[in-house]
């Protein structure tokens, strides 16, 4: 996967992920069919959430991913507001994490753990 060659774009995204992003590794139990034994299923994702759609659209234009939105109540619970989420999975997640690694600060250890986890996945799946 090819990303923006501008170092400033990568650095900006890394900073944004350091502040608003999440490297997520989840373990879920999967049942193939009723009555069958369950087995663990692992998912890896990068999430970036924000109430400003424009900044996530800017990132999405340069780095791809899946952009969606949902309504969430405010802290007082009386007003619904739009929350936007940009997410990365699969090989795109791996390639993006490798490209961002030199620019990450706070979440660099999270990214390194993510890359170790992703190295156990088959690239062509």
Protein backbone atom coordinates (compact mmCIF):
# COMPACT_ATOMS: atom_id res chain seq x y z
CA UNK A 1 0.00 0.00 0.00
CA UNK A 2 1.27 3.42 -0.88
CA UNK A 3 0.63 6.41 1.37
CA UNK A 4 1.19 10.10 1.04
CA UNK A 5 4.89 10.67 0.55
CA UNK A 6 4.72 13.88 2.55
CA UNK A 7 6.43 13.38 5.88
CA UNK A 8 4.32 16.18 7.30
CA UNK A 9 1.11 14.22 6.54
CA UNK A 10 2.48 11.12 8.28
CA UNK A 11 3.68 13.19 11.23
CA UNK A 12 0.29 14.94 11.51
CA UNK A 13 -1.57 11.62 11.45
CA UNK A 14 0.79 10.14 14.04
CA UNK A 15 0.15 13.11 16.33
CA UNK A 16 -3.57 12.81 15.81
CA UNK A 17 -3.48 9.10 16.63
CA UNK A 18 -1.35 9.81 19.71
CA UNK A 19 -4.15 12.08 20.95
CA UNK A 20 -7.38 10.71 19.49
CA UNK A 21 -6.57 7.19 18.31
CA UNK A 22 -6.60 3.67 19.65
CA UNK A 23 -4.64 0.56 18.70
CA UNK A 24 -7.16 -2.19 19.48
CA UNK A 25 -6.55 -5.92 19.78
CA UNK A 26 -9.66 -7.85 20.71
CA UNK A 27 -10.27 -11.49 21.52
CA UNK A 28 -13.72 -12.85 20.82
CA UNK A 29 -15.17 -16.31 21.18
CA UNK A 30 -16.53 -17.64 17.91
CA UNK A 31 -18.92 -20.54 17.48
CA UNK A 32 -18.79 -22.04 13.98
CA UNK A 33 -22.23 -23.67 14.24
CA UNK A 34 -24.83 -24.31 16.94
CA UNK A 35 -23.63 -26.88 19.45
CA UNK A 36 -20.02 -26.63 18.25
CA UNK A 37 -17.10 -25.80 20.49
CA UNK A 38 -16.17 -22.12 20.53
CA UNK A 39 -12.69 -20.95 19.62
CA UNK A 40 -10.86 -17.64 20.01
CA UNK A 41 -10.93 -15.15 17.17
CA UNK A 42 -8.65 -12.10 17.24
CA UNK A 43 -9.28 -8.71 15.65
CA UNK A 44 -6.87 -5.82 15.20
CA UNK A 45 -8.00 -2.27 14.46
CA UNK A 46 -6.88 1.32 14.60
CA UNK A 47 -9.68 3.69 15.58
CA UNK A 48 -9.62 7.47 15.40
CA UNK A 49 -12.69 9.24 16.77
CA UNK A 50 -13.60 12.91 16.75
CA UNK A 51 -16.59 15.23 16.56
CA UNK A 52 -14.99 17.14 13.66
CA UNK A 53 -15.84 15.31 10.45
CA UNK A 54 -13.60 17.56 8.35
CA UNK A 55 -10.32 16.49 9.91
CA UNK A 56 -11.22 12.80 9.57
CA UNK A 57 -12.22 13.35 5.94
CA UNK A 58 -8.80 14.95 5.33
CA UNK A 59 -7.07 11.92 6.84
CA UNK A 60 -9.38 9.54 4.95
CA UNK A 61 -8.55 11.19 1.61
CA UNK A 62 -4.83 10.63 2.17
CA UNK A 63 -4.74 7.28 3.97
CA UNK A 64 -8.01 5.48 3.21
CA UNK A 65 -9.80 3.43 5.85
CA UNK A 66 -13.48 3.29 6.75
CA UNK A 67 -15.22 6.48 7.87
CA UNK A 68 -18.54 6.19 9.69
CA UNK A 69 -20.59 8.14 12.19
CA UNK A 70 -22.92 7.55 15.09
CA UNK A 71 -24.84 9.59 17.62
CA UNK A 72 -23.71 9.68 21.23
CA UNK A 73 -25.24 11.50 24.17
CA UNK A 74 -23.28 14.28 25.83
CA UNK A 75 -22.01 13.81 29.40
CA UNK A 76 -25.28 15.19 30.76
CA UNK A 77 -27.14 12.79 28.47
CA UNK A 78 -29.69 15.29 27.22
CA UNK A 79 -28.26 16.12 23.77
CA UNK A 80 -27.18 13.75 21.02
CA UNK A 81 -24.09 14.70 19.04
CA UNK A 82 -22.43 13.19 16.01
CA UNK A 83 -19.24 11.24 16.62
CA UNK A 84 -17.14 10.29 13.59
CA UNK A 85 -14.83 7.28 13.51
CA UNK A 86 -12.12 6.37 11.04
CA UNK A 87 -10.91 2.79 11.27
CA UNK A 88 -8.18 0.67 9.70
CA UNK A 89 -8.00 -3.12 9.52
CA UNK A 90 -6.10 -5.86 7.71
CA UNK A 91 -3.07 -5.18 5.56
CA UNK A 92 -3.91 -1.47 5.42
CA UNK A 93 -3.57 -1.36 9.21
CA UNK A 94 -0.18 -3.11 9.05
CA UNK A 95 1.19 -0.87 6.30
CA UNK A 96 -0.08 2.30 7.95
CA UNK A 97 1.33 1.34 11.35
CA UNK A 98 4.77 0.68 9.82
CA UNK A 99 4.69 4.06 8.06
CA UNK A 100 3.65 5.90 11.24
CA UNK A 101 6.01 4.18 13.66
CA UNK A 102 8.89 6.71 13.36
CA UNK A 103 6.49 9.60 14.13
CA UNK A 104 4.48 8.17 17.02
CA UNK A 105 5.40 9.25 20.54
CA UNK A 106 2.92 8.22 23.22
CA UNK A 107 1.38 5.29 21.36
CA UNK A 108 4.60 3.98 19.83
CA UNK A 109 4.68 0.98 22.22
CA UNK A 110 1.05 0.24 21.29
CA UNK A 111 1.96 0.32 17.60
CA UNK A 112 4.92 -2.01 18.18
CA UNK A 113 2.64 -4.47 19.98
CA UNK A 114 0.16 -4.19 17.11
CA UNK A 115 2.89 -5.00 14.57
CA UNK A 116 3.98 -8.03 16.60
CA UNK A 117 0.37 -9.23 16.67
CA UNK A 118 -0.11 -8.55 12.96
CA UNK A 119 3.04 -10.55 12.15
CA UNK A 120 1.16 -13.68 13.29
CA UNK A 121 -1.53 -13.09 10.63
CA UNK A 122 -1.19 -14.38 7.07
CA UNK A 123 -0.62 -11.42 4.71
CA UNK A 124 -2.86 -12.78 1.94
CA UNK A 125 -5.94 -13.34 4.16
